[in-house]
C-alpha atoms as a PDB file:
ATOM      1  CA  UNK A   1      74.943  69.651  93.910  1.00  0.00           C
ATOM      2  CA  UNK A   2      76.584  72.806  92.453  1.00  0.00           C
ATOM      3  CA  UNK A   3      80.275  71.712  91.809  1.00  0.00           C
ATOM      4  CA  UNK A   4      79.166  68.679  90.002  1.00  0.00           C
ATOM      5  CA  UNK A   5      77.330  70.562  87.639  1.00  0.00           C
ATOM      6  CA  UNK A   6      80.365  72.859  87.106  1.00  0.00           C
ATOM      7  CA  UNK A   7      82.690  69.299  86.748  1.00  0.00           C
ATOM      8  CA  UNK A   8      80.345  68.096  84.078  1.00  0.00           C
ATOM      9  CA  UNK A   9      80.159  71.140  82.368  1.00  0.00           C
ATOM     10  CA  UNK A  10      84.156  71.352  82.560  1.00  0.00           C
ATOM     11  CA  UNK A  11      84.650  67.731  81.511  1.00  0.00           C
ATOM     12  CA  UNK A  12      82.209  68.184  78.559  1.00  0.00           C
ATOM     13  CA  UNK A  13      84.373  71.544  77.277  1.00  0.00           C
ATOM     14  CA  UNK A  14      87.568  69.558  77.679  1.00  0.00           C
ATOM     15  CA  UNK A  15      86.185  66.453  75.770  1.00  0.00           C
ATOM     16  CA  UNK A  16      84.966  68.625  73.072  1.00  0.00           C
ATOM     17  CA  UNK A  17      88.216  70.439  72.562  1.00  0.00           C
ATOM     18  CA  UNK A  18      89.929  67.340  72.819  1.00  0.00           C
ATOM     19  CA  UNK A  19      87.933  65.837  70.020  1.00  0.00           C
ATOM     20  CA  UNK A  20      88.465  68.906  67.477  1.00  0.00           C
ATOM     21  CA  UNK A  21      90.765  67.925  64.638  1.00  0.00           C
ATOM     22  CA  UNK A  22      93.036  70.941  64.080  1.00  0.00           C
ATOM     23  CA  UNK A  23      94.980  71.529  61.235  1.00  0.00           C
ATOM     24  CA  UNK A  24      98.363  72.115  62.981  1.00  0.00           C
ATOM     25  CA  UNK A  25     100.198  69.064  64.106  1.00  0.00           C
ATOM     26  CA  UNK A  26      99.181  67.804  67.693  1.00  0.00           C
ATOM     27  CA  UNK A  27     102.084  66.952  69.992  1.00  0.00           C
ATOM     28  CA  UNK A  28     102.100  64.948  73.524  1.00  0.00           C
ATOM     29  CA  UNK A  29     104.320  65.811  76.301  1.00  0.00           C
ATOM     30  CA  UNK A  30     105.112  64.184  79.481  1.00  0.00           C
ATOM     31  CA  UNK A  31     106.704  66.227  82.268  1.00  0.00           C
ATOM     32  CA  UNK A  32     107.808  66.269  86.218  1.00  0.00           C
ATOM     33  CA  UNK A  33     106.583  68.925  88.505  1.00  0.00           C
ATOM     34  CA  UNK A  34     108.637  70.188  91.587  1.00  0.00           C
ATOM     35  CA  UNK A  35     107.277  72.935  93.739  1.00  0.00           C
ATOM     36  CA  UNK A  36     105.545  73.905  96.906  1.00  0.00           C
ATOM     37  CA  UNK A  37     101.912  73.972  98.513  1.00  0.00           C
ATOM     38  CA  UNK A  38      99.733  77.172  99.008  1.00  0.00           C
ATOM     39  CA  UNK A  39      96.978  77.277 101.735  1.00  0.00           C
ATOM     40  CA  UNK A  40      94.534  80.045 102.801  1.00  0.00           C
ATOM     41  CA  UNK A  41      91.598  78.916 105.199  1.00  0.00           C
ATOM     42  CA  UNK A  42      90.493  79.383 108.784  1.00  0.00           C
ATOM     43  CA  UNK A  43      93.720  78.426 110.483  1.00  0.00           C
ATOM     44  CA  UNK A  44      96.014  81.300 110.295  1.00  0.00           C
ATOM     45  CA  UNK A  45      93.668  83.425 108.438  1.00  0.00           C
ATOM     46  CA  UNK A  46      94.808  86.755 107.252  1.00  0.00           C
ATOM     47  CA  UNK A  47      98.170  85.354 107.290  1.00  0.00           C
ATOM     48  CA  UNK A  48      98.309  85.003 103.252  1.00  0.00           C
ATOM     49  CA  UNK A  49     101.449  86.971 103.115  1.00  0.00           C
ATOM     50  CA  UNK A  50     103.197  83.956 104.603  1.00  0.00           C
ATOM     51  CA  UNK A  51     101.621  81.589 102.312  1.00  0.00           C
ATOM     52  CA  UNK A  52     105.179  81.051 100.487  1.00  0.00           C
ATOM     53  CA  UNK A  53     106.793  80.560 104.197  1.00  0.00           C
ATOM     54  CA  UNK A  54     104.173  77.923 105.053  1.00  0.00           C
ATOM     55  CA  UNK A  55     104.953  76.063 101.843  1.00  0.00           C
ATOM     56  CA  UNK A  56     105.986  72.438 101.941  1.00  0.00           C
ATOM     57  CA  UNK A  57     107.352  70.320  99.118  1.00  0.00           C
ATOM     58  CA  UNK A  58     105.461  69.034  96.249  1.00  0.00           C
ATOM     59  CA  UNK A  59     105.878  66.540  93.517  1.00  0.00           C
ATOM     60  CA  UNK A  60     104.025  65.589  90.462  1.00  0.00           C
ATOM     61  CA  UNK A  61     103.741  64.233  86.841  1.00  0.00           C
ATOM     62  CA  UNK A  62     101.812  65.756  83.948  1.00  0.00           C
ATOM     63  CA  UNK A  63     100.900  64.574  80.557  1.00  0.00           C
ATOM     64  CA  UNK A  64      99.838  67.060  78.092  1.00  0.00           C
ATOM     65  CA  UNK A  65      98.026  66.963  74.913  1.00  0.00           C
ATOM     66  CA  UNK A  66      98.857  70.218  72.610  1.00  0.00           C
ATOM     67  CA  UNK A  67      96.221  70.740  70.085  1.00  0.00           C
ATOM     68  CA  UNK A  68      97.962  73.515  68.171  1.00  0.00           C
ATOM     69  CA  UNK A  69     100.416  76.650  69.179  1.00  0.00           C
ATOM     70  CA  UNK A  70      97.512  77.965  71.625  1.00  0.00           C
ATOM     71  CA  UNK A  71      95.661  75.404  73.233  1.00  0.00           C
ATOM     72  CA  UNK A  72      96.302  72.165  75.294  1.00  0.00           C
ATOM     73  CA  UNK A  73      95.015  69.879  77.581  1.00  0.00           C
ATOM     74  CA  UNK A  74      97.072  68.830  80.750  1.00  0.00           C
ATOM     75  CA  UNK A  75      96.462  65.604  82.715  1.00  0.00           C
ATOM     76  CA  UNK A  76      98.338  65.838  86.005  1.00  0.00           C
ATOM     77  CA  UNK A  77      98.722  64.288  89.638  1.00  0.00           C
ATOM     78  CA  UNK A  78     100.350  65.921  92.425  1.00  0.00           C
ATOM     79  CA  UNK A  79     100.856  65.477  96.058  1.00  0.00           C
ATOM     80  CA  UNK A  80     102.058  67.721  98.876  1.00  0.00           C
ATOM     81  CA  UNK A  81     101.325  68.918 102.495  1.00  0.00           C
ATOM     82  CA  UNK A  82      99.712  71.822 103.330  1.00  0.00           C
ATOM     83  CA  UNK A  83      99.821  73.407 106.976  1.00  0.00           C
ATOM     84  CA  UNK A  84      98.881  76.669 108.608  1.00  0.00           C
ATOM     85  CA  UNK A  85      99.301  78.064 112.439  1.00  0.00           C
ATOM     86  CA  UNK A  86      97.260  80.706 114.248  1.00  0.00           C
ATOM     87  CA  UNK A  87     100.567  81.789 116.078  1.00  0.00           C
ATOM     88  CA  UNK A  88     101.721  82.789 112.921  1.00  0.00           C
ATOM     89  CA  UNK A  89      98.765  85.540 112.326  1.00  0.00           C
ATOM     90  CA  UNK A  90      98.778  89.047 113.376  1.00  0.00           C
ATOM     91  CA  UNK A  91      95.338  88.752 113.950  1.00  0.00           C
ATOM     92  CA  UNK A  92      94.780  89.018 117.907  1.00  0.00           C
ATOM     93  CA  UNK A  93      91.752  86.380 117.872  1.00  0.00           C
ATOM     94  CA  UNK A  94      93.427  84.002 115.707  1.00  0.00           C
ATOM     95  CA  UNK A  95      96.429  84.094 117.698  1.00  0.00           C
ATOM     96  CA  UNK A  96      94.638  83.772 120.847  1.00  0.00           C
ATOM     97  CA  UNK A  97      92.749  80.600 119.219  1.00  0.00           C
ATOM     98  CA  UNK A  98      96.111  78.726 118.999  1.00  0.00           C
ATOM     99  CA  UNK A  99      94.995  76.085 116.234  1.00  0.00           C
ATOM    100  CA  UNK A 100      97.377  74.319 113.927  1.00  0.00           C
ATOM    101  CA  UNK A 101      97.058  71.481 111.362  1.00  0.00           C
ATOM    102  CA  UNK A 102      98.794  70.052 108.396  1.00  0.00           C
ATOM    103  CA  UNK A 103      97.521  67.486 106.055  1.00  0.00           C
ATOM    104  CA  UNK A 104      98.738  65.461 102.937  1.00  0.00           C
ATOM    105  CA  UNK A 105      96.796  66.504  99.764  1.00  0.00           C
ATOM    106  CA  UNK A 106      96.683  64.685  96.664  1.00  0.00           C
ATOM    107  CA  UNK A 107      94.997  66.046  93.580  1.00  0.00           C
ATOM    108  CA  UNK A 108      94.067  64.613  90.048  1.00  0.00           C
ATOM    109  CA  UNK A 109      93.849  67.542  87.991  1.00  0.00           C
ATOM    110  CA  UNK A 110      92.356  68.163  84.199  1.00  0.00           C
ATOM    111  CA  UNK A 111      93.289  71.536  83.010  1.00  0.00           C
ATOM    112  CA  UNK A 112      92.762  73.470  80.008  1.00  0.00           C
ATOM    113  CA  UNK A 113      95.968  75.397  78.751  1.00  0.00           C
ATOM    114  CA  UNK A 114      95.933  78.729  76.682  1.00  0.00           C
ATOM    115  CA  UNK A 115      99.294  80.418  75.400  1.00  0.00           C
ATOM    116  CA  UNK A 116      99.033  84.203  74.653  1.00  0.00           C
ATOM    117  CA  UNK A 117     101.603  83.516  71.922  1.00  0.00           C
ATOM    118  CA  UNK A 118     102.099  80.716  69.609  1.00  0.00           C
ATOM    119  CA  UNK A 119     104.333  77.870  71.343  1.00  0.00           C
ATOM    120  CA  UNK A 120     105.937  74.904  70.447  1.00  0.00           C
ATOM    121  CA  UNK A 121     109.024  73.015  71.878  1.00  0.00           C
ATOM    122  CA  UNK A 122     109.763  72.107  68.317  1.00  0.00           C
ATOM    123  CA  UNK A 123     109.804  75.236  66.435  1.00  0.00           C
ATOM    124  CA  UNK A 124     112.358  77.856  67.286  1.00  0.00           C
ATOM    125  CA  UNK A 125     110.251  80.595  66.124  1.00  0.00           C
ATOM    126  CA  UNK A 126     107.560  80.087  68.881  1.00  0.00           C
ATOM    127  CA  UNK A 127     109.723  79.447  71.816  1.00  0.00           C
ATOM    128  CA  UNK A 128     108.311  81.046  74.822  1.00  0.00           C
ATOM    129  CA  UNK A 129     105.060  82.056  75.868  1.00  0.00           C
ATOM    130  CA  UNK A 130     102.938  83.368  79.217  1.00  0.00           C
ATOM    131  CA  UNK A 131      99.723  81.255  79.402  1.00  0.00           C
ATOM    132  CA  UNK A 132      96.801  80.670  81.801  1.00  0.00           C
ATOM    133  CA  UNK A 133      94.989  77.748  83.097  1.00  0.00           C
ATOM    134  CA  UNK A 134      91.682  76.323  84.440  1.00  0.00           C
ATOM    135  CA  UNK A 135      90.006  73.389  84.623  1.00  0.00           C
ATOM    136  CA  UNK A 136      88.735  70.734  87.266  1.00  0.00           C
ATOM    137  CA  UNK A 137      90.404  68.557  89.990  1.00  0.00           C
ATOM    138  CA  UNK A 138      89.773  65.850  92.487  1.00  0.00           C
ATOM    139  CA  UNK A 139      91.386  66.372  95.817  1.00  0.00           C
ATOM    140  CA  UNK A 140      92.263  64.169  99.008  1.00  0.00           C
ATOM    141  CA  UNK A 141      93.064  65.359 102.175  1.00  0.00           C
ATOM    142  CA  UNK A 142      93.417  64.387 106.103  1.00  0.00           C
ATOM    143  CA  UNK A 143      93.698  67.181 108.662  1.00  0.00           C
ATOM    144  CA  UNK A 144      95.819  66.530 111.758  1.00  0.00           C
ATOM    145  CA  UNK A 145      96.686  68.400 114.699  1.00  0.00           C
ATOM    146  CA  UNK A 146      99.485  67.735 117.191  1.00  0.00           C
ATOM    147  CA  UNK A 147      98.790  66.953 120.922  1.00  0.00           C
ATOM    148  CA  UNK A 148     100.864  67.917 124.177  1.00  0.00           C
ATOM    149  CA  UNK A 149     102.367  64.533 123.675  1.00  0.00           C
ATOM    150  CA  UNK A 150     104.141  65.345 120.403  1.00  0.00           C
ATOM    151  CA  UNK A 151     101.980  63.030 118.609  1.00  0.00           C
ATOM    152  CA  UNK A 152      99.998  63.860 115.250  1.00  0.00           C
ATOM    153  CA  UNK A 153      96.285  62.613 115.445  1.00  0.00           C
ATOM    154  CA  UNK A 154      93.537  62.762 112.726  1.00  0.00           C
ATOM    155  CA  UNK A 155      90.805  65.176 113.250  1.00  0.00           C
ATOM    156  CA  UNK A 156      87.995  64.151 111.528  1.00  0.00           C
ATOM    157  CA  UNK A 157      87.317  60.857 113.898  1.00  0.00           C
ATOM    158  CA  UNK A 158      87.194  63.509 116.848  1.00  0.00           C
ATOM    159  CA  UNK A 159      84.294  65.520 115.742  1.00  0.00           C
ATOM    160  CA  UNK A 160      85.801  68.571 117.063  1.00  0.00           C
ATOM    161  CA  UNK A 161      82.897  70.880 115.981  1.00  0.00           C
ATOM    162  CA  UNK A 162      80.229  67.994 116.625  1.00  0.00           C
ATOM    163  CA  UNK A 163      80.169  66.890 113.031  1.00  0.00           C
ATOM    164  CA  UNK A 164      78.252  63.322 112.637  1.00  0.00           C
ATOM    165  CA  UNK A 165      77.281  63.983 116.455  1.00  0.00           C
ATOM    166  CA  UNK A 166      73.507  63.340 117.711  1.00  0.00           C
ATOM    167  CA  UNK A 167      74.263  66.765 119.783  1.00  0.00           C
ATOM    168  CA  UNK A 168      74.638  68.716 116.333  1.00  0.00           C
ATOM    169  CA  UNK A 169      72.463  66.793 113.610  1.00  0.00           C
ATOM    170  CA  UNK A 170      72.928  69.762 111.139  1.00  0.00           C
ATOM    171  CA  UNK A 171      76.583  69.252 111.203  1.00  0.00           C
ATOM    172  CA  UNK A 172      77.471  66.601 108.810  1.00  0.00           C
ATOM    173  CA  UNK A 173      80.922  64.519 108.859  1.00  0.00           C
ATOM    174  CA  UNK A 174      82.861  65.981 106.188  1.00  0.00           C
ATOM    175  CA  UNK A 175      84.505  63.922 103.350  1.00  0.00           C
ATOM    176  CA  UNK A 176      88.066  63.552 103.033  1.00  0.00           C
ATOM    177  CA  UNK A 177      87.881  64.476  99.426  1.00  0.00           C
ATOM    178  CA  UNK A 178      86.232  66.782  96.932  1.00  0.00           C
ATOM    179  CA  UNK A 179      86.203  68.545  93.756  1.00  0.00           C
ATOM    180  CA  UNK A 180      87.952  71.946  93.066  1.00  0.00           C
ATOM    181  CA  UNK A 181      88.212  74.367  90.238  1.00  0.00           C
ATOM    182  CA  UNK A 182      91.817  75.425  89.482  1.00  0.00           C
ATOM    183  CA  UNK A 183      93.076  78.592  87.856  1.00  0.00           C
ATOM    184  CA  UNK A 184      96.557  80.281  87.476  1.00  0.00           C
ATOM    185  CA  UNK A 185      99.161  81.547  85.729  1.00  0.00           C
ATOM    186  CA  UNK A 186     102.356  80.474  83.937  1.00  0.00           C
ATOM    187  CA  UNK A 187     105.256  80.945  81.679  1.00  0.00           C
ATOM    188  CA  UNK A 188     106.862  78.397  79.515  1.00  0.00           C
ATOM    189  CA  UNK A 189     110.148  78.733  77.464  1.00  0.00           C
ATOM    190  CA  UNK A 190     111.961  75.963  75.313  1.00  0.00           C
ATOM    191  CA  UNK A 191     115.318  75.360  76.831  1.00  0.00           C
ATOM    192  CA  UNK A 192     116.619  72.573  74.480  1.00  0.00           C
ATOM    193  CA  UNK A 193     114.804  71.053  71.275  1.00  0.00           C
ATOM    194  CA  UNK A 194     111.943  69.171  72.685  1.00  0.00           C
ATOM    195  CA  UNK A 195     112.192  70.131  76.061  1.00  0.00           C
ATOM    196  CA  UNK A 196     110.005  72.923  77.950  1.00  0.00           C
ATOM    197  CA  UNK A 197     110.560  74.611  81.160  1.00  0.00           C
ATOM    198  CA  UNK A 198     107.282  75.840  82.615  1.00  0.00           C
ATOM    199  CA  UNK A 199     106.656  78.057  85.806  1.00  0.00           C
ATOM    200  CA  UNK A 200     103.419  78.089  87.447  1.00  0.00           C
ATOM    201  CA  UNK A 201     101.231  79.181  90.163  1.00  0.00           C
ATOM    202  CA  UNK A 202      97.872  78.631  90.751  1.00  0.00           C
ATOM    203  CA  UNK A 203      95.122  78.382  93.386  1.00  0.00           C
ATOM    204  CA  UNK A 204      91.925  75.629  93.746  1.00  0.00           C
ATOM    205  CA  UNK A 205      88.408  76.758  94.712  1.00  0.00           C
ATOM    206  CA  UNK A 206      87.173  74.519  96.884  1.00  0.00           C
ATOM    207  CA  UNK A 207      83.756  73.671  98.146  1.00  0.00           C
ATOM    208  CA  UNK A 208      85.162  72.441 101.438  1.00  0.00           C
ATOM    209  CA  UNK A 209      85.780  74.760 104.809  1.00  0.00           C
ATOM    210  CA  UNK A 210      87.044  71.678 106.489  1.00  0.00           C
ATOM    211  CA  UNK A 211      90.802  71.130 104.917  1.00  0.00           C
ATOM    212  CA  UNK A 212      91.895  72.275 108.175  1.00  0.00           C
ATOM    213  CA  UNK A 213      88.985  70.895 110.591  1.00  0.00           C
ATOM    214  CA  UNK A 214      87.826  74.573 111.083  1.00  0.00           C
ATOM    215  CA  UNK A 215      84.435  76.053 110.014  1.00  0.00           C
ATOM    216  CA  UNK A 216      82.023  76.836 112.472  1.00  0.00           C
ATOM    217  CA  UNK A 217      81.714  77.131 116.247  1.00  0.00           C
ATOM    218  CA  UNK A 218      82.721  75.494 119.391  1.00  0.00           C
ATOM    219  CA  UNK A 219      80.860  72.902 120.887  1.00  0.00           C
ATOM    220  CA  UNK A 220      79.803  71.367 124.411  1.00  0.00           C
ATOM    221  CA  UNK A 221      82.898  70.709 126.042  1.00  0.00           C
ATOM    222  CA  UNK A 222      80.972  67.692 128.175  1.00  0.00           C
ATOM    223  CA  UNK A 223      80.410  65.729 125.026  1.00  0.00           C
ATOM    224  CA  UNK A 224      84.072  65.512 123.580  1.00  0.00           C
ATOM    225  CA  UNK A 225      86.802  63.383 124.611  1.00  0.00           C
ATOM    226  CA  UNK A 226      89.941  64.847 126.411  1.00  0.00           C
ATOM    227  CA  UNK A 227      91.926  64.266 123.207  1.00  0.00           C
ATOM    228  CA  UNK A 228      89.237  66.046 121.211  1.00  0.00           C
ATOM    229  CA  UNK A 229      89.190  68.789 123.528  1.00  0.00           C
ATOM    230  CA  UNK A 230      92.791  69.195 123.697  1.00  0.00           C
ATOM    231  CA  UNK A 231      93.196  69.413 119.770  1.00  0.00           C
ATOM    232  CA  UNK A 232      89.901  71.418 119.534  1.00  0.00           C
ATOM    233  CA  UNK A 233      90.753  73.954 122.222  1.00  0.00           C
ATOM    234  CA  UNK A 234      94.311  74.133 122.772  1.00  0.00           C
ATOM    235  CA  UNK A 235      94.370  77.951 124.431  1.00  0.00           C
ATOM    236  CA  UNK A 236      93.212  78.177 127.826  1.00  0.00           C
ATOM    237  CA  UNK A 237      90.135  80.641 127.065  1.00  0.00           C
ATOM    238  CA  UNK A 238      87.705  78.027 127.580  1.00  0.00           C
ATOM    239  CA  UNK A 239      85.416  79.239 124.713  1.00  0.00           C
ATOM    240  CA  UNK A 240      81.980  78.504 125.188  1.00  0.00           C
ATOM    241  CA  UNK A 241      79.415  76.309 123.362  1.00  0.00           C
ATOM    242  CA  UNK A 242      78.142  78.169 120.138  1.00  0.00           C
ATOM    243  CA  UNK A 243      81.470  80.781 120.343  1.00  0.00           C
ATOM    244  CA  UNK A 244      82.817  81.407 116.616  1.00  0.00           C
ATOM    245  CA  UNK A 245      85.582  78.930 115.901  1.00  0.00           C
ATOM    246  CA  UNK A 246      85.415  79.639 111.990  1.00  0.00           C
ATOM    247  CA  UNK A 247      83.874  81.175 109.022  1.00  0.00           C
ATOM    248  CA  UNK A 248      81.536  78.511 107.167  1.00  0.00           C
ATOM    249  CA  UNK A 249      80.986  81.311 104.515  1.00  0.00           C
ATOM    250  CA  UNK A 250      84.565  81.603 103.566  1.00  0.00           C
ATOM    251  CA  UNK A 251      85.756  78.257 101.980  1.00  0.00           C
ATOM    252  CA  UNK A 252      89.369  77.183 102.068  1.00  0.00           C
ATOM    253  CA  UNK A 253      91.444  76.970  99.342  1.00  0.00           C
ATOM    254  CA  UNK A 254      94.688  75.165  98.297  1.00  0.00           C
ATOM    255  CA  UNK A 255      97.486  75.675  95.546  1.00  0.00           C
ATOM    256  CA  UNK A 256     100.624  74.666  94.108  1.00  0.00           C
ATOM    257  CA  UNK A 257     103.561  76.819  92.545  1.00  0.00           C
ATOM    258  CA  UNK A 258     106.474  75.428  90.994  1.00  0.00           C
ATOM    259  CA  UNK A 259     108.419  74.298  88.079  1.00  0.00           C
ATOM    260  CA  UNK A 260     107.941  71.446  85.364  1.00  0.00           C
ATOM    261  CA  UNK A 261     110.534  70.043  83.001  1.00  0.00           C
ATOM    262  CA  UNK A 262     108.384  68.799  80.036  1.00  0.00           C
ATOM    263  CA  UNK A 263     109.615  66.518  77.344  1.00  0.00           C
ATOM    264  CA  UNK A 264     108.037  66.573  73.967  1.00  0.00           C
ATOM    265  CA  UNK A 265     107.081  62.960  72.957  1.00  0.00           C
ATOM    266  CA  UNK A 266     107.610  61.866  69.436  1.00  0.00           C
ATOM    267  CA  UNK A 267     104.592  60.583  67.771  1.00  0.00           C
ATOM    268  CA  UNK A 268     105.563  58.418  65.108  1.00  0.00           C
ATOM    269  CA  UNK A 269     102.301  58.195  63.238  1.00  0.00           C
ATOM    270  CA  UNK A 270     102.349  62.239  63.484  1.00  0.00           C
ATOM    271  CA  UNK A 271     106.026  62.015  62.368  1.00  0.00           C
ATOM    272  CA  UNK A 272     104.917  60.260  59.293  1.00  0.00           C
ATOM    273  CA  UNK A 273     102.111  62.231  58.598  1.00  0.00           C
ATOM    274  CA  UNK A 274     104.370  65.249  58.634  1.00  0.00           C
ATOM    275  CA  UNK A 275     106.903  63.646  56.492  1.00  0.00           C
ATOM    276  CA  UNK A 276     104.626  62.896  54.026  1.00  0.00           C
ATOM    277  CA  UNK A 277     102.843  66.373  53.774  1.00  0.00           C
END
């Protein structure tokens, strides 16, 4: 598939850069990320201005390999919760649809960072820089909605749009994981010797329109369980089979914003080489 080609090309580029022997001393870093999530999808669509308000706590860990003052490779794990609610939208139809969802999302990412100016947490002459990043990530999610009894239910098994049903053979049951392309910007500064404070905001382009379990059209109510019907159509408007429920051409996106505290790990081999030189 198309995104696997992108994934393979990105991995190849990152591994090539990783293997380059650069004249500057290379350093390793270990960091803790704390921040929030971002989401843009069908549920709550046209509500992007409230993305920060819908943000939920996120934590993560990072391991970085800096090749020189400009390039570095970042391996990270982040986990948080994404959510959205049609009632928060200013769009009349979206508001009337009255859907909502939440999902835990966990990401394993490989990111290439580029500093706009030379930076090193070990060199006071190069102690700050804005930067950009991109790469590839693997994410896991599981959308849920809340019923009238107050309980939250996993939506995938309910086939709210007929996914995996014999009545809608063109709609495959979606996977609860996928590949995304991260991109974003940040700013880093050396606050103490060997310690970096990094601020980042980034989005993930997915090839998936079911992060919020909404993508295509309403289906025939007669083939749905009572619970599936309640969660797929919580409003009382009785939308007919085939009526638009989501937009399959507008894939969902998620992201993270936050701060990282990063410590530059002393490499005894590199320290010895630097001493000899």
